[in-house]
């Protein structure tokens, strides 16, 4: 049975040289710092700290934005609830008014019909000829005989 071979650490020297050459071409003075296994480009810790500070600002802005959106959403929900309540109240009031208006119109129609009937009777009465009265002389008493 063959013996297991332990994997060896890969050689990064070629990669380190290529990165150093690329940095030199771009005019970056510091190369890769190695030694503790946390290799980084020189001056990176300053940039990382600035980036962390900026991210803290973004996190604070995100929290503030969430709070503002929550407040606006709550106010919008309250306004919608208020409008719905007012609409329901208004519709019930209109329903009561509708019955009252219906009764008023019914009374107006009855009154109008009574007035029209009275006017029609009056007009009819004026157009009718008065009954003709013929006076007939009554019997004269007979002249007294003497």
C-alpha atoms as a PDB file:
ATOM      1  CA  UNK A   1       0.000   0.000   0.000  1.00  0.00           C
ATOM      2  CA  UNK A   2       1.475   3.335  -0.977  1.00  0.00           C
ATOM      3  CA  UNK A   3       2.224   5.843   1.723  1.00  0.00           C
ATOM      4  CA  UNK A   4       0.186   9.017   1.924  1.00  0.00           C
ATOM      5  CA  UNK A   5       2.104  12.082   0.879  1.00  0.00           C
ATOM      6  CA  UNK A   6       1.549  15.195   2.906  1.00  0.00           C
ATOM      7  CA  UNK A   7       0.692  18.220   0.803  1.00  0.00           C
ATOM      8  CA  UNK A   8       3.395  20.831   0.646  1.00  0.00           C
ATOM      9  CA  UNK A   9       2.894  24.520   1.003  1.00  0.00           C
ATOM     10  CA  UNK A  10       2.804  26.046  -2.497  1.00  0.00           C
ATOM     11  CA  UNK A  11       5.568  28.434  -3.497  1.00  0.00           C
ATOM     12  CA  UNK A  12       4.196  31.954  -3.748  1.00  0.00           C
ATOM     13  CA  UNK A  13       7.469  33.583  -4.739  1.00  0.00           C
ATOM     14  CA  UNK A  14       6.455  33.820  -8.404  1.00  0.00           C
ATOM     15  CA  UNK A  15       3.176  35.449  -7.479  1.00  0.00           C
ATOM     16  CA  UNK A  16       4.941  37.848  -5.115  1.00  0.00           C
ATOM     17  CA  UNK A  17       7.385  38.886  -7.869  1.00  0.00           C
ATOM     18  CA  UNK A  18       4.548  39.483 -10.390  1.00  0.00           C
ATOM     19  CA  UNK A  19       2.621  41.617  -7.907  1.00  0.00           C
ATOM     20  CA  UNK A  20       5.774  43.590  -7.045  1.00  0.00           C
ATOM     21  CA  UNK A  21       6.445  44.237 -10.755  1.00  0.00           C
ATOM     22  CA  UNK A  22       2.833  45.352 -11.336  1.00  0.00           C
ATOM     23  CA  UNK A  23       3.028  47.714  -8.376  1.00  0.00           C
ATOM     24  CA  UNK A  24       6.340  49.161  -9.629  1.00  0.00           C
ATOM     25  CA  UNK A  25       4.786  49.763 -13.062  1.00  0.00           C
ATOM     26  CA  UNK A  26       1.936  51.651 -11.465  1.00  0.00           C
ATOM     27  CA  UNK A  27       4.268  53.712  -9.374  1.00  0.00           C
ATOM     28  CA  UNK A  28       3.362  52.266  -5.995  1.00  0.00           C
ATOM     29  CA  UNK A  29       6.397  52.463  -3.716  1.00  0.00           C
ATOM     30  CA  UNK A  30       5.619  49.825  -1.157  1.00  0.00           C
ATOM     31  CA  UNK A  31       5.395  46.228  -2.124  1.00  0.00           C
ATOM     32  CA  UNK A  32       3.863  43.283  -0.403  1.00  0.00           C
ATOM     33  CA  UNK A  33       4.784  42.921   3.242  1.00  0.00           C
ATOM     34  CA  UNK A  34       5.043  39.334   4.326  1.00  0.00           C
ATOM     35  CA  UNK A  35       6.026  37.562   7.423  1.00  0.00           C
ATOM     36  CA  UNK A  36       3.005  36.881   9.603  1.00  0.00           C
ATOM     37  CA  UNK A  37       0.818  35.280   6.982  1.00  0.00           C
ATOM     38  CA  UNK A  38      -1.338  38.423   6.719  1.00  0.00           C
ATOM     39  CA  UNK A  39       0.354  39.874   3.692  1.00  0.00           C
ATOM     40  CA  UNK A  40      -0.966  43.216   2.542  1.00  0.00           C
ATOM     41  CA  UNK A  41       0.019  46.095   0.362  1.00  0.00           C
ATOM     42  CA  UNK A  42       1.937  48.733   2.315  1.00  0.00           C
ATOM     43  CA  UNK A  43      -0.203  51.607   3.604  1.00  0.00           C
ATOM     44  CA  UNK A  44      -3.227  49.365   3.478  1.00  0.00           C
ATOM     45  CA  UNK A  45      -3.980  49.638   7.180  1.00  0.00           C
ATOM     46  CA  UNK A  46      -4.640  53.380   6.776  1.00  0.00           C
ATOM     47  CA  UNK A  47      -6.991  52.724   3.885  1.00  0.00           C
ATOM     48  CA  UNK A  48      -8.683  49.898   5.761  1.00  0.00           C
ATOM     49  CA  UNK A  49      -9.268  52.132   8.778  1.00  0.00           C
ATOM     50  CA  UNK A  50     -10.705  54.866   6.541  1.00  0.00           C
ATOM     51  CA  UNK A  51     -12.902  52.293   4.858  1.00  0.00           C
ATOM     52  CA  UNK A  52     -14.068  50.960   8.217  1.00  0.00           C
ATOM     53  CA  UNK A  53     -14.883  54.514   9.320  1.00  0.00           C
ATOM     54  CA  UNK A  54     -16.843  55.091   6.137  1.00  0.00           C
ATOM     55  CA  UNK A  55     -18.708  51.825   6.624  1.00  0.00           C
ATOM     56  CA  UNK A  56     -19.618  52.866  10.170  1.00  0.00           C
ATOM     57  CA  UNK A  57     -21.102  56.018   8.663  1.00  0.00           C
ATOM     58  CA  UNK A  58     -23.017  53.964   6.127  1.00  0.00           C
ATOM     59  CA  UNK A  59     -24.335  51.685   8.886  1.00  0.00           C
ATOM     60  CA  UNK A  60     -25.475  54.739  10.865  1.00  0.00           C
ATOM     61  CA  UNK A  61     -27.101  56.214   7.757  1.00  0.00           C
ATOM     62  CA  UNK A  62     -28.802  52.891   7.063  1.00  0.00           C
ATOM     63  CA  UNK A  63     -30.169  52.789  10.606  1.00  0.00           C
ATOM     64  CA  UNK A  64     -31.367  56.381  10.324  1.00  0.00           C
ATOM     65  CA  UNK A  65     -32.972  55.675   6.964  1.00  0.00           C
ATOM     66  CA  UNK A  66     -34.755  52.651   8.404  1.00  0.00           C
ATOM     67  CA  UNK A  67     -36.064  54.771  11.279  1.00  0.00           C
ATOM     68  CA  UNK A  68     -37.300  57.513   8.931  1.00  0.00           C
ATOM     69  CA  UNK A  69     -38.943  54.993   6.591  1.00  0.00           C
ATOM     70  CA  UNK A  70     -40.627  53.329   9.580  1.00  0.00           C
ATOM     71  CA  UNK A  71     -41.961  56.662  10.838  1.00  0.00           C
ATOM     72  CA  UNK A  72     -43.216  57.668   7.384  1.00  0.00           C
ATOM     73  CA  UNK A  73     -44.814  54.247   6.936  1.00  0.00           C
ATOM     74  CA  UNK A  74     -46.531  54.516  10.315  1.00  0.00           C
ATOM     75  CA  UNK A  75     -47.865  57.972   9.520  1.00  0.00           C
ATOM     76  CA  UNK A  76     -49.082  56.776   6.112  1.00  0.00           C
ATOM     77  CA  UNK A  77     -50.847  53.829   7.740  1.00  0.00           C
ATOM     78  CA  UNK A  78     -52.477  56.131  10.300  1.00  0.00           C
ATOM     79  CA  UNK A  79     -53.668  58.487   7.544  1.00  0.00           C
ATOM     80  CA  UNK A  80     -55.158  55.589   5.566  1.00  0.00           C
ATOM     81  CA  UNK A  81     -56.935  54.327   8.689  1.00  0.00           C
ATOM     82  CA  UNK A  82     -58.274  57.830   9.406  1.00  0.00           C
ATOM     83  CA  UNK A  83     -59.543  58.247   5.857  1.00  0.00           C
ATOM     84  CA  UNK A  84     -61.232  54.826   5.949  1.00  0.00           C
ATOM     85  CA  UNK A  85     -62.919  55.677   9.264  1.00  0.00           C
ATOM     86  CA  UNK A  86     -64.117  59.045   7.972  1.00  0.00           C
ATOM     87  CA  UNK A  87     -65.423  57.431   4.807  1.00  0.00           C
ATOM     88  CA  UNK A  88     -67.418  54.870   6.796  1.00  0.00           C
ATOM     89  CA  UNK A  89     -68.792  57.623   9.043  1.00  0.00           C
ATOM     90  CA  UNK A  90     -69.698  59.769   6.035  1.00  0.00           C
ATOM     91  CA  UNK A  91     -71.421  56.885   4.266  1.00  0.00           C
ATOM     92  CA  UNK A  92     -73.590  56.124   7.307  1.00  0.00           C
ATOM     93  CA  UNK A  93     -74.508  59.806   7.602  1.00  0.00           C
ATOM     94  CA  UNK A  94     -75.379  59.964   3.909  1.00  0.00           C
ATOM     95  CA  UNK A  95     -77.543  56.840   4.303  1.00  0.00           C
ATOM     96  CA  UNK A  96     -79.571  58.598   7.027  1.00  0.00           C
ATOM     97  CA  UNK A  97     -79.860  61.746   4.947  1.00  0.00           C
ATOM     98  CA  UNK A  98     -81.034  59.711   1.973  1.00  0.00           C
ATOM     99  CA  UNK A  99     -84.091  58.467   3.899  1.00  0.00           C
ATOM    100  CA  UNK A 100     -84.874  61.982   5.103  1.00  0.00           C
ATOM    101  CA  UNK A 101     -84.619  63.390   1.585  1.00  0.00           C
ATOM    102  CA  UNK A 102     -86.833  60.600   0.244  1.00  0.00           C
ATOM    103  CA  UNK A 103     -89.536  61.475   2.839  1.00  0.00           C
ATOM    104  CA  UNK A 104     -89.278  65.192   2.035  1.00  0.00           C
ATOM    105  CA  UNK A 105     -89.740  64.560  -1.676  1.00  0.00           C
ATOM    106  CA  UNK A 106     -92.708  62.283  -0.968  1.00  0.00           C
ATOM    107  CA  UNK A 107     -94.322  65.044   1.124  1.00  0.00           C
ATOM    108  CA  UNK A 108     -93.589  67.630  -1.587  1.00  0.00           C
ATOM    109  CA  UNK A 109     -95.195  65.426  -4.240  1.00  0.00           C
ATOM    110  CA  UNK A 110     -98.317  64.933  -2.083  1.00  0.00           C
ATOM    111  CA  UNK A 111     -98.569  68.664  -1.382  1.00  0.00           C
ATOM    112  CA  UNK A 112     -98.027  69.495  -5.057  1.00  0.00           C
ATOM    113  CA  UNK A 113    -100.718  66.981  -6.063  1.00  0.00           C
ATOM    114  CA  UNK A 114    -103.177  68.515  -3.553  1.00  0.00           C
ATOM    115  CA  UNK A 115    -102.483  72.042  -4.825  1.00  0.00           C
ATOM    116  CA  UNK A 116    -102.847  70.922  -8.440  1.00  0.00           C
ATOM    117  CA  UNK A 117    -106.155  69.241  -7.627  1.00  0.00           C
ATOM    118  CA  UNK A 118    -107.450  72.370  -5.870  1.00  0.00           C
ATOM    119  CA  UNK A 119    -106.442  74.572  -8.802  1.00  0.00           C
ATOM    120  CA  UNK A 120    -108.063  72.182 -11.295  1.00  0.00           C
ATOM    121  CA  UNK A 121    -111.299  72.155  -9.274  1.00  0.00           C
ATOM    122  CA  UNK A 122    -111.278  75.947  -9.110  1.00  0.00           C
ATOM    123  CA  UNK A 123    -110.717  76.277 -12.859  1.00  0.00           C
ATOM    124  CA  UNK A 124    -113.430  73.738 -13.584  1.00  0.00           C
ATOM    125  CA  UNK A 125    -115.842  75.538 -11.292  1.00  0.00           C
ATOM    126  CA  UNK A 126    -115.300  78.880 -13.037  1.00  0.00           C
ATOM    127  CA  UNK A 127    -115.871  77.379 -16.474  1.00  0.00           C
ATOM    128  CA  UNK A 128    -119.187  75.770 -15.558  1.00  0.00           C
ATOM    129  CA  UNK A 129    -122.244  77.769 -16.371  1.00  0.00           C
ATOM    130  CA  UNK A 130    -124.232  78.794 -13.469  1.00  0.00           C
ATOM    131  CA  UNK A 131    -127.528  77.031 -13.342  1.00  0.00           C
ATOM    132  CA  UNK A 132    -130.147  79.050 -15.140  1.00  0.00           C
ATOM    133  CA  UNK A 133    -132.887  80.124 -12.845  1.00  0.00           C
ATOM    134  CA  UNK A 134    -136.210  80.899 -14.505  1.00  0.00           C
ATOM    135  CA  UNK A 135    -138.608  82.796 -12.403  1.00  0.00           C
ATOM    136  CA  UNK A 136    -142.109  81.769 -13.054  1.00  0.00           C
ATOM    137  CA  UNK A 137    -144.760  84.048 -11.674  1.00  0.00           C
ATOM    138  CA  UNK A 138    -146.878  82.402  -9.157  1.00  0.00           C
ATOM    139  CA  UNK A 139    -150.653  82.299  -9.344  1.00  0.00           C
ATOM    140  CA  UNK A 140    -152.276  85.591  -8.748  1.00  0.00           C
ATOM    141  CA  UNK A 141    -154.945  85.634  -6.247  1.00  0.00           C
ATOM    142  CA  UNK A 142    -158.254  85.762  -7.872  1.00  0.00           C
ATOM    143  CA  UNK A 143    -159.793  89.119  -7.942  1.00  0.00           C
ATOM    144  CA  UNK A 144    -162.299  89.526  -5.275  1.00  0.00           C
ATOM    145  CA  UNK A 145    -165.833  89.369  -6.444  1.00  0.00           C
ATOM    146  CA  UNK A 146    -168.065  91.773  -5.189  1.00  0.00           C
END
